[in-house]
Amino acid sequence: MDKTLRCTVCPWRGAWTEAAAVRVQPAPLPPALEEIQRGYEEKQAEEEHLGGHRPPCCPQCGNHTVTVKLHRHSAAV
């Protein structure tokens, strides 16, 4: 089962493989969003250093993506 990702800036959601297939230059962000993105970048670097995998960038705007956590009530039956 492919992990589902969501962009931290735009409304894009999709599969890990879908995001990994496309490379887009990151869109310029306002200073407030840029600081939030820096936080995501630091967290992803920590996780990668601990042996995790860095999610691919958003195929629409080129910014960070995070995994979508599925809860039992929203999982497919």
C-alpha atoms as a PDB file:
ATOM      1  CA  MET A   1       0.000   0.000   0.000  1.00  0.00           C
ATOM      2  CA  ASP A   2       1.467   3.340  -1.098  1.00  0.00           C
ATOM      3  CA  LYS A   3       1.674   6.068   1.548  1.00  0.00           C
ATOM      4  CA  THR A   4      -0.549   9.089   1.058  1.00  0.00           C
ATOM      5  CA  LEU A   5       1.048  12.532   1.269  1.00  0.00           C
ATOM      6  CA  ARG A   6      -0.270  16.062   1.536  1.00  0.00           C
ATOM      7  CA  CYS A   7       1.439  19.343   0.730  1.00  0.00           C
ATOM      8  CA  THR A   8       2.116  21.748   3.592  1.00  0.00           C
ATOM      9  CA  VAL A   9       1.339  24.799   1.413  1.00  0.00           C
ATOM     10  CA  CYS A  10      -1.120  24.004  -1.389  1.00  0.00           C
ATOM     11  CA  PRO A  11      -4.185  21.698  -1.362  1.00  0.00           C
ATOM     12  CA  TRP A  12      -2.427  18.818  -3.220  1.00  0.00           C
ATOM     13  CA  ARG A  13      -2.851  15.266  -1.851  1.00  0.00           C
ATOM     14  CA  GLY A  14      -1.664  12.089  -3.481  1.00  0.00           C
ATOM     15  CA  ALA A  15       0.487   8.983  -3.412  1.00  0.00           C
ATOM     16  CA  TRP A  16       4.215   8.894  -2.599  1.00  0.00           C
ATOM     17  CA  THR A  17       5.007   7.495  -6.073  1.00  0.00           C
ATOM     18  CA  GLU A  18       2.984  10.249  -7.749  1.00  0.00           C
ATOM     19  CA  ALA A  19       4.956  12.939  -5.904  1.00  0.00           C
ATOM     20  CA  ALA A  20       8.307  11.235  -6.543  1.00  0.00           C
ATOM     21  CA  ALA A  21       7.693  11.099 -10.307  1.00  0.00           C
ATOM     22  CA  VAL A  22       7.676  14.900 -10.757  1.00  0.00           C
ATOM     23  CA  ARG A  23      10.303  17.543  -9.926  1.00  0.00           C
ATOM     24  CA  VAL A  24       9.148  21.144  -9.544  1.00  0.00           C
ATOM     25  CA  GLN A  25      11.108  24.183  -8.389  1.00  0.00           C
ATOM     26  CA  PRO A  26       9.721  25.419  -5.033  1.00  0.00           C
ATOM     27  CA  ALA A  27       7.380  28.374  -5.374  1.00  0.00           C
ATOM     28  CA  PRO A  28       8.404  31.557  -3.515  1.00  0.00           C
ATOM     29  CA  LEU A  29       6.590  31.905  -0.188  1.00  0.00           C
ATOM     30  CA  PRO A  30       5.707  34.805   2.092  1.00  0.00           C
ATOM     31  CA  PRO A  31       8.036  35.159   5.131  1.00  0.00           C
ATOM     32  CA  ALA A  32       5.500  33.655   7.581  1.00  0.00           C
ATOM     33  CA  LEU A  33       5.105  30.467   5.494  1.00  0.00           C
ATOM     34  CA  GLU A  34       8.844  30.352   4.825  1.00  0.00           C
ATOM     35  CA  GLU A  35       9.532  30.044   8.564  1.00  0.00           C
ATOM     36  CA  ILE A  36       7.003  27.193   8.863  1.00  0.00           C
ATOM     37  CA  GLN A  37       8.625  25.443   5.896  1.00  0.00           C
ATOM     38  CA  ARG A  38      12.035  25.793   7.573  1.00  0.00           C
ATOM     39  CA  GLY A  39      10.578  23.957  10.589  1.00  0.00           C
ATOM     40  CA  TYR A  40       9.337  21.129   8.356  1.00  0.00           C
ATOM     41  CA  GLU A  41      12.766  20.953   6.727  1.00  0.00           C
ATOM     42  CA  GLU A  42      14.527  20.645  10.097  1.00  0.00           C
ATOM     43  CA  LYS A  43      12.122  17.913  11.261  1.00  0.00           C
ATOM     44  CA  GLN A  44      12.553  15.955   8.009  1.00  0.00           C
ATOM     45  CA  ALA A  45      16.351  16.241   8.260  1.00  0.00           C
ATOM     46  CA  GLU A  46      16.196  14.834  11.828  1.00  0.00           C
ATOM     47  CA  GLU A  47      13.981  11.924  10.746  1.00  0.00           C
ATOM     48  CA  GLU A  48      16.260  11.200   7.783  1.00  0.00           C
ATOM     49  CA  HIS A  49      19.302  11.238  10.088  1.00  0.00           C
ATOM     50  CA  LEU A  50      17.573   8.686  12.345  1.00  0.00           C
ATOM     51  CA  GLY A  51      17.076   6.307   9.424  1.00  0.00           C
ATOM     52  CA  GLY A  52      13.716   7.476   8.085  1.00  0.00           C
ATOM     53  CA  HIS A  53      12.893   8.471   4.532  1.00  0.00           C
ATOM     54  CA  ARG A  54      12.388  12.041   3.398  1.00  0.00           C
ATOM     55  CA  PRO A  55       9.072  12.421   1.571  1.00  0.00           C
ATOM     56  CA  PRO A  56       9.321  13.801  -1.972  1.00  0.00           C
ATOM     57  CA  CYS A  57       8.413  17.426  -2.678  1.00  0.00           C
ATOM     58  CA  CYS A  58       4.939  18.467  -3.821  1.00  0.00           C
ATOM     59  CA  PRO A  59       4.484  17.929  -7.587  1.00  0.00           C
ATOM     60  CA  GLN A  60       2.409  21.133  -7.874  1.00  0.00           C
ATOM     61  CA  CYS A  61       4.271  23.798  -5.898  1.00  0.00           C
ATOM     62  CA  GLY A  62       7.581  22.084  -5.015  1.00  0.00           C
ATOM     63  CA  ASN A  63       7.288  22.595  -1.264  1.00  0.00           C
ATOM     64  CA  HIS A  64       7.321  20.049   1.555  1.00  0.00           C
ATOM     65  CA  THR A  65       4.913  17.156   1.928  1.00  0.00           C
ATOM     66  CA  VAL A  66       4.002  15.180   5.028  1.00  0.00           C
ATOM     67  CA  THR A  67       2.436  11.757   5.358  1.00  0.00           C
ATOM     68  CA  VAL A  68      -1.289  11.573   5.995  1.00  0.00           C
ATOM     69  CA  LYS A  69      -1.990   9.531   9.094  1.00  0.00           C
ATOM     70  CA  LEU A  70      -4.980   7.276   8.619  1.00  0.00           C
ATOM     71  CA  HIS A  71      -7.164   6.719  11.658  1.00  0.00           C
ATOM     72  CA  ARG A  72      -9.241   3.620  12.176  1.00  0.00           C
ATOM     73  CA  HIS A  73     -12.508   5.437  11.552  1.00  0.00           C
ATOM     74  CA  SER A  74     -11.290   6.758   8.165  1.00  0.00           C
ATOM     75  CA  ALA A  75      -9.571   3.597   6.916  1.00  0.00           C
ATOM     76  CA  ALA A  76     -11.110   1.592   4.096  1.00  0.00           C
ATOM     77  CA  VAL A  77     -13.098  -1.426   5.252  1.00  0.00           C
END
